[in-house]
C-alpha atoms as a PDB file:
ATOM      1  CA  UNK A   1      70.756 -85.665-138.662  1.00  0.00           C
ATOM      2  CA  UNK A   2      71.297 -83.605-141.746  1.00  0.00           C
ATOM      3  CA  UNK A   3      71.338 -86.697-143.954  1.00  0.00           C
ATOM      4  CA  UNK A   4      67.920 -87.744-142.666  1.00  0.00           C
ATOM      5  CA  UNK A   5      66.368 -84.387-143.536  1.00  0.00           C
ATOM      6  CA  UNK A   6      67.721 -84.520-147.041  1.00  0.00           C
ATOM      7  CA  UNK A   7      66.350 -88.001-147.549  1.00  0.00           C
ATOM      8  CA  UNK A   8      62.912 -86.870-146.399  1.00  0.00           C
ATOM      9  CA  UNK A   9      62.899 -83.918-148.820  1.00  0.00           C
ATOM     10  CA  UNK A  10      64.096 -86.094-151.657  1.00  0.00           C
ATOM     11  CA  UNK A  11      61.431 -88.727-151.086  1.00  0.00           C
ATOM     12  CA  UNK A  12      58.686 -86.074-150.891  1.00  0.00           C
ATOM     13  CA  UNK A  13      59.627 -84.539-154.237  1.00  0.00           C
ATOM     14  CA  UNK A  14      59.896 -88.047-155.656  1.00  0.00           C
ATOM     15  CA  UNK A  15      56.335 -88.759-154.538  1.00  0.00           C
ATOM     16  CA  UNK A  16      55.103 -85.658-156.365  1.00  0.00           C
ATOM     17  CA  UNK A  17      56.795 -86.875-159.507  1.00  0.00           C
ATOM     18  CA  UNK A  18      55.270 -90.301-159.038  1.00  0.00           C
ATOM     19  CA  UNK A  19      51.789 -88.816-158.700  1.00  0.00           C
ATOM     20  CA  UNK A  20      52.284 -86.871-161.940  1.00  0.00           C
ATOM     21  CA  UNK A  21      53.346 -90.046-163.760  1.00  0.00           C
ATOM     22  CA  UNK A  22      50.357 -91.976-162.383  1.00  0.00           C
ATOM     23  CA  UNK A  23      48.001 -89.170-163.399  1.00  0.00           C
ATOM     24  CA  UNK A  24      49.507 -89.098-166.888  1.00  0.00           C
ATOM     25  CA  UNK A  25      48.935 -92.843-167.192  1.00  0.00           C
ATOM     26  CA  UNK A  26      45.332 -92.742-165.928  1.00  0.00           C
ATOM     27  CA  UNK A  27      44.200 -89.556-167.735  1.00  0.00           C
ATOM     28  CA  UNK A  28      43.640 -91.176-171.170  1.00  0.00           C
ATOM     29  CA  UNK A  29      41.451 -93.872-169.591  1.00  0.00           C
ATOM     30  CA  UNK A  30      39.450 -91.274-167.688  1.00  0.00           C
ATOM     31  CA  UNK A  31      38.942 -89.238-170.857  1.00  0.00           C
ATOM     32  CA  UNK A  32      37.810 -92.289-172.821  1.00  0.00           C
ATOM     33  CA  UNK A  33      35.258 -93.172-170.130  1.00  0.00           C
ATOM     34  CA  UNK A  34      34.062 -89.555-169.959  1.00  0.00           C
ATOM     35  CA  UNK A  35      33.739 -89.300-173.755  1.00  0.00           C
ATOM     36  CA  UNK A  36      31.875 -92.621-173.902  1.00  0.00           C
ATOM     37  CA  UNK A  37      29.417 -91.431-171.258  1.00  0.00           C
ATOM     38  CA  UNK A  38      28.772 -88.133-173.052  1.00  0.00           C
ATOM     39  CA  UNK A  39      28.337 -89.720-176.493  1.00  0.00           C
ATOM     40  CA  UNK A  40      26.191 -92.544-175.122  1.00  0.00           C
ATOM     41  CA  UNK A  41      23.961 -90.137-173.221  1.00  0.00           C
ATOM     42  CA  UNK A  42      23.406 -87.756-176.131  1.00  0.00           C
ATOM     43  CA  UNK A  43      23.016 -90.620-178.620  1.00  0.00           C
ATOM     44  CA  UNK A  44      20.503 -92.362-176.375  1.00  0.00           C
ATOM     45  CA  UNK A  45      18.501 -89.140-175.958  1.00  0.00           C
ATOM     46  CA  UNK A  46      18.400 -88.702-179.744  1.00  0.00           C
ATOM     47  CA  UNK A  47      17.329 -92.307-180.261  1.00  0.00           C
ATOM     48  CA  UNK A  48      14.485 -91.791-177.767  1.00  0.00           C
ATOM     49  CA  UNK A  49      13.411 -88.595-179.582  1.00  0.00           C
ATOM     50  CA  UNK A  50      13.439 -90.384-182.948  1.00  0.00           C
ATOM     51  CA  UNK A  51      11.500 -93.355-181.566  1.00  0.00           C
ATOM     52  CA  UNK A  52       8.872 -91.095-180.024  1.00  0.00           C
ATOM     53  CA  UNK A  53       8.607 -89.086-183.255  1.00  0.00           C
ATOM     54  CA  UNK A  54       8.002 -92.212-185.370  1.00  0.00           C
ATOM     55  CA  UNK A  55       5.471 -93.475-182.826  1.00  0.00           C
ATOM     56  CA  UNK A  56       3.616 -90.176-182.952  1.00  0.00           C
ATOM     57  CA  UNK A  57       3.748 -90.181-186.764  1.00  0.00           C
ATOM     58  CA  UNK A  58       2.333 -93.710-186.943  1.00  0.00           C
ATOM     59  CA  UNK A  59      -0.434 -92.770-184.531  1.00  0.00           C
ATOM     60  CA  UNK A  60      -1.163 -89.696-186.647  1.00  0.00           C
ATOM     61  CA  UNK A  61      -1.284 -91.872-189.773  1.00  0.00           C
ATOM     62  CA  UNK A  62      -3.525 -94.472-188.127  1.00  0.00           C
ATOM     63  CA  UNK A  63      -6.365 -91.959-187.986  1.00  0.00           C
ATOM     64  CA  UNK A  64      -6.292 -91.261-191.726  1.00  0.00           C
ATOM     65  CA  UNK A  65      -3.695 -88.590-192.476  1.00  0.00           C
ATOM     66  CA  UNK A  66      -1.678 -88.591-195.702  1.00  0.00           C
ATOM     67  CA  UNK A  67       1.984 -89.686-195.897  1.00  0.00           C
ATOM     68  CA  UNK A  68       3.120 -86.075-196.394  1.00  0.00           C
ATOM     69  CA  UNK A  69       1.244 -84.987-193.284  1.00  0.00           C
ATOM     70  CA  UNK A  70       2.742 -87.905-191.356  1.00  0.00           C
ATOM     71  CA  UNK A  71       6.247 -86.978-192.514  1.00  0.00           C
ATOM     72  CA  UNK A  72       5.713 -83.360-191.457  1.00  0.00           C
ATOM     73  CA  UNK A  73       4.436 -84.498-188.061  1.00  0.00           C
ATOM     74  CA  UNK A  74       7.480 -86.725-187.487  1.00  0.00           C
ATOM     75  CA  UNK A  75       9.883 -83.925-188.472  1.00  0.00           C
ATOM     76  CA  UNK A  76       8.054 -81.554-186.132  1.00  0.00           C
ATOM     77  CA  UNK A  77       8.121 -83.988-183.202  1.00  0.00           C
ATOM     78  CA  UNK A  78      11.803 -84.924-183.672  1.00  0.00           C
ATOM     79  CA  UNK A  79      12.958 -81.525-182.346  1.00  0.00           C
ATOM     80  CA  UNK A  80      15.133 -80.719-185.352  1.00  0.00           C
ATOM     81  CA  UNK A  81      16.942 -84.055-185.416  1.00  0.00           C
ATOM     82  CA  UNK A  82      15.229 -85.500-188.518  1.00  0.00           C
ATOM     83  CA  UNK A  83      14.505 -84.130-191.971  1.00  0.00           C
ATOM     84  CA  UNK A  84      11.790 -85.309-194.362  1.00  0.00           C
ATOM     85  CA  UNK A  85      14.421 -87.274-196.306  1.00  0.00           C
ATOM     86  CA  UNK A  86      15.206 -89.395-193.217  1.00  0.00           C
ATOM     87  CA  UNK A  87      11.628 -90.672-192.971  1.00  0.00           C
ATOM     88  CA  UNK A  88       9.736 -93.243-195.030  1.00  0.00           C
ATOM     89  CA  UNK A  89       5.998 -93.812-194.696  1.00  0.00           C
ATOM     90  CA  UNK A  90       3.910 -96.556-196.250  1.00  0.00           C
ATOM     91  CA  UNK A  91       1.051 -98.979-195.700  1.00  0.00           C
ATOM     92  CA  UNK A  92       1.043-102.773-195.391  1.00  0.00           C
ATOM     93  CA  UNK A  93      -1.776-104.528-197.233  1.00  0.00           C
ATOM     94  CA  UNK A  94      -1.413-108.219-196.318  1.00  0.00           C
ATOM     95  CA  UNK A  95      -4.667-109.396-197.937  1.00  0.00           C
ATOM     96  CA  UNK A  96      -4.123-107.469-201.206  1.00  0.00           C
ATOM     97  CA  UNK A  97      -7.554-105.861-201.380  1.00  0.00           C
ATOM     98  CA  UNK A  98      -6.340-102.286-200.969  1.00  0.00           C
ATOM     99  CA  UNK A  99      -5.444-100.407-197.833  1.00  0.00           C
ATOM    100  CA  UNK A 100      -8.370-100.548-195.407  1.00  0.00           C
ATOM    101  CA  UNK A 101      -9.133-100.356-191.716  1.00  0.00           C
ATOM    102  CA  UNK A 102      -7.098-102.956-189.837  1.00  0.00           C
ATOM    103  CA  UNK A 103      -4.105-102.805-192.210  1.00  0.00           C
ATOM    104  CA  UNK A 104      -0.916-101.152-190.985  1.00  0.00           C
ATOM    105  CA  UNK A 105       0.836 -97.847-191.444  1.00  0.00           C
ATOM    106  CA  UNK A 106       4.629 -98.112-191.163  1.00  0.00           C
ATOM    107  CA  UNK A 107       6.826 -95.144-190.292  1.00  0.00           C
ATOM    108  CA  UNK A 108      10.611 -95.613-190.429  1.00  0.00           C
ATOM    109  CA  UNK A 109      13.347 -93.128-189.626  1.00  0.00           C
ATOM    110  CA  UNK A 110      17.094 -93.425-190.166  1.00  0.00           C
ATOM    111  CA  UNK A 111      19.509 -90.966-188.590  1.00  0.00           C
ATOM    112  CA  UNK A 112      23.283 -90.782-188.531  1.00  0.00           C
ATOM    113  CA  UNK A 113      24.441 -89.533-185.130  1.00  0.00           C
ATOM    114  CA  UNK A 114      27.824 -87.806-185.430  1.00  0.00           C
ATOM    115  CA  UNK A 115      29.846 -88.274-182.242  1.00  0.00           C
ATOM    116  CA  UNK A 116      30.353 -85.095-180.234  1.00  0.00           C
ATOM    117  CA  UNK A 117      33.676 -86.123-178.734  1.00  0.00           C
ATOM    118  CA  UNK A 118      36.905 -87.319-180.371  1.00  0.00           C
ATOM    119  CA  UNK A 119      36.236 -90.855-179.135  1.00  0.00           C
ATOM    120  CA  UNK A 120      36.990 -92.437-182.528  1.00  0.00           C
ATOM    121  CA  UNK A 121      40.460 -90.911-182.501  1.00  0.00           C
ATOM    122  CA  UNK A 122      41.275 -92.373-179.072  1.00  0.00           C
ATOM    123  CA  UNK A 123      40.214 -95.861-180.073  1.00  0.00           C
ATOM    124  CA  UNK A 124      42.399 -96.180-183.156  1.00  0.00           C
ATOM    125  CA  UNK A 125      41.381 -99.794-183.804  1.00  0.00           C
ATOM    126  CA  UNK A 126      37.706 -98.803-183.864  1.00  0.00           C
ATOM    127  CA  UNK A 127      37.763 -95.719-186.049  1.00  0.00           C
ATOM    128  CA  UNK A 128      34.281 -94.317-186.428  1.00  0.00           C
ATOM    129  CA  UNK A 129      32.811 -90.836-186.379  1.00  0.00           C
ATOM    130  CA  UNK A 130      29.098 -91.632-186.366  1.00  0.00           C
ATOM    131  CA  UNK A 131      26.514 -94.201-185.318  1.00  0.00           C
ATOM    132  CA  UNK A 132      23.436 -95.202-187.326  1.00  0.00           C
ATOM    133  CA  UNK A 133      20.190 -94.872-185.376  1.00  0.00           C
ATOM    134  CA  UNK A 134      17.027 -96.542-186.695  1.00  0.00           C
ATOM    135  CA  UNK A 135      13.451 -96.481-185.531  1.00  0.00           C
ATOM    136  CA  UNK A 136      10.376 -98.140-186.971  1.00  0.00           C
ATOM    137  CA  UNK A 137       6.763 -98.057-185.821  1.00  0.00           C
ATOM    138  CA  UNK A 138       3.904-100.139-187.199  1.00  0.00           C
ATOM    139  CA  UNK A 139       0.342 -99.241-186.196  1.00  0.00           C
ATOM    140  CA  UNK A 140      -3.086-100.525-187.258  1.00  0.00           C
ATOM    141  CA  UNK A 141      -5.247 -98.176-189.306  1.00  0.00           C
ATOM    142  CA  UNK A 142      -8.411 -96.904-187.677  1.00  0.00           C
ATOM    143  CA  UNK A 143      -9.368 -94.901-190.747  1.00  0.00           C
ATOM    144  CA  UNK A 144      -8.265 -95.543-194.354  1.00  0.00           C
ATOM    145  CA  UNK A 145      -6.043 -92.853-195.892  1.00  0.00           C
ATOM    146  CA  UNK A 146      -6.820 -91.088-199.184  1.00  0.00           C
ATOM    147  CA  UNK A 147      -3.548 -92.161-200.825  1.00  0.00           C
ATOM    148  CA  UNK A 148      -1.650 -95.283-199.872  1.00  0.00           C
ATOM    149  CA  UNK A 149       1.922 -95.870-201.052  1.00  0.00           C
ATOM    150  CA  UNK A 150       3.405 -99.285-200.416  1.00  0.00           C
ATOM    151  CA  UNK A 151       5.224 -99.720-197.118  1.00  0.00           C
ATOM    152  CA  UNK A 152       9.015 -99.634-196.966  1.00  0.00           C
ATOM    153  CA  UNK A 153       8.663-103.065-195.354  1.00  0.00           C
ATOM    154  CA  UNK A 154       7.352-104.218-191.997  1.00  0.00           C
ATOM    155  CA  UNK A 155       9.194-103.375-188.795  1.00  0.00           C
ATOM    156  CA  UNK A 156      11.536-106.199-187.841  1.00  0.00           C
END
């Protein structure tokens, strides 16, 4: 009878050790999934903010505001994510007769999103610390602007 009790105690402590080993094996995968979810969520939220800011800037430019005013509007609407240097504003003149009603204002923004988690260190084959986010909005002019720099190119 004594031998049976000892075997039961031994197998119970062995199960605890097995659970620790299994947890140690699964923990890195759980952390990678958690880090991916956090970085994806924050990155996606920033991309949405940048896209909305460029859309608002293009709408602001479509009613006749200057490129500097458009840039300021985009920076203001981006909630501190973008700076004026991240934004390019211009006008497309497809017929070559000068920027007029019906031509397009193009607002582009480029932002480098630095990952919040050490995800790049876990995935040693895919070493990266940031992701490039781009947004471009093209809108028809309803009112011609006073000054019209050339567009940085149409939105693709």
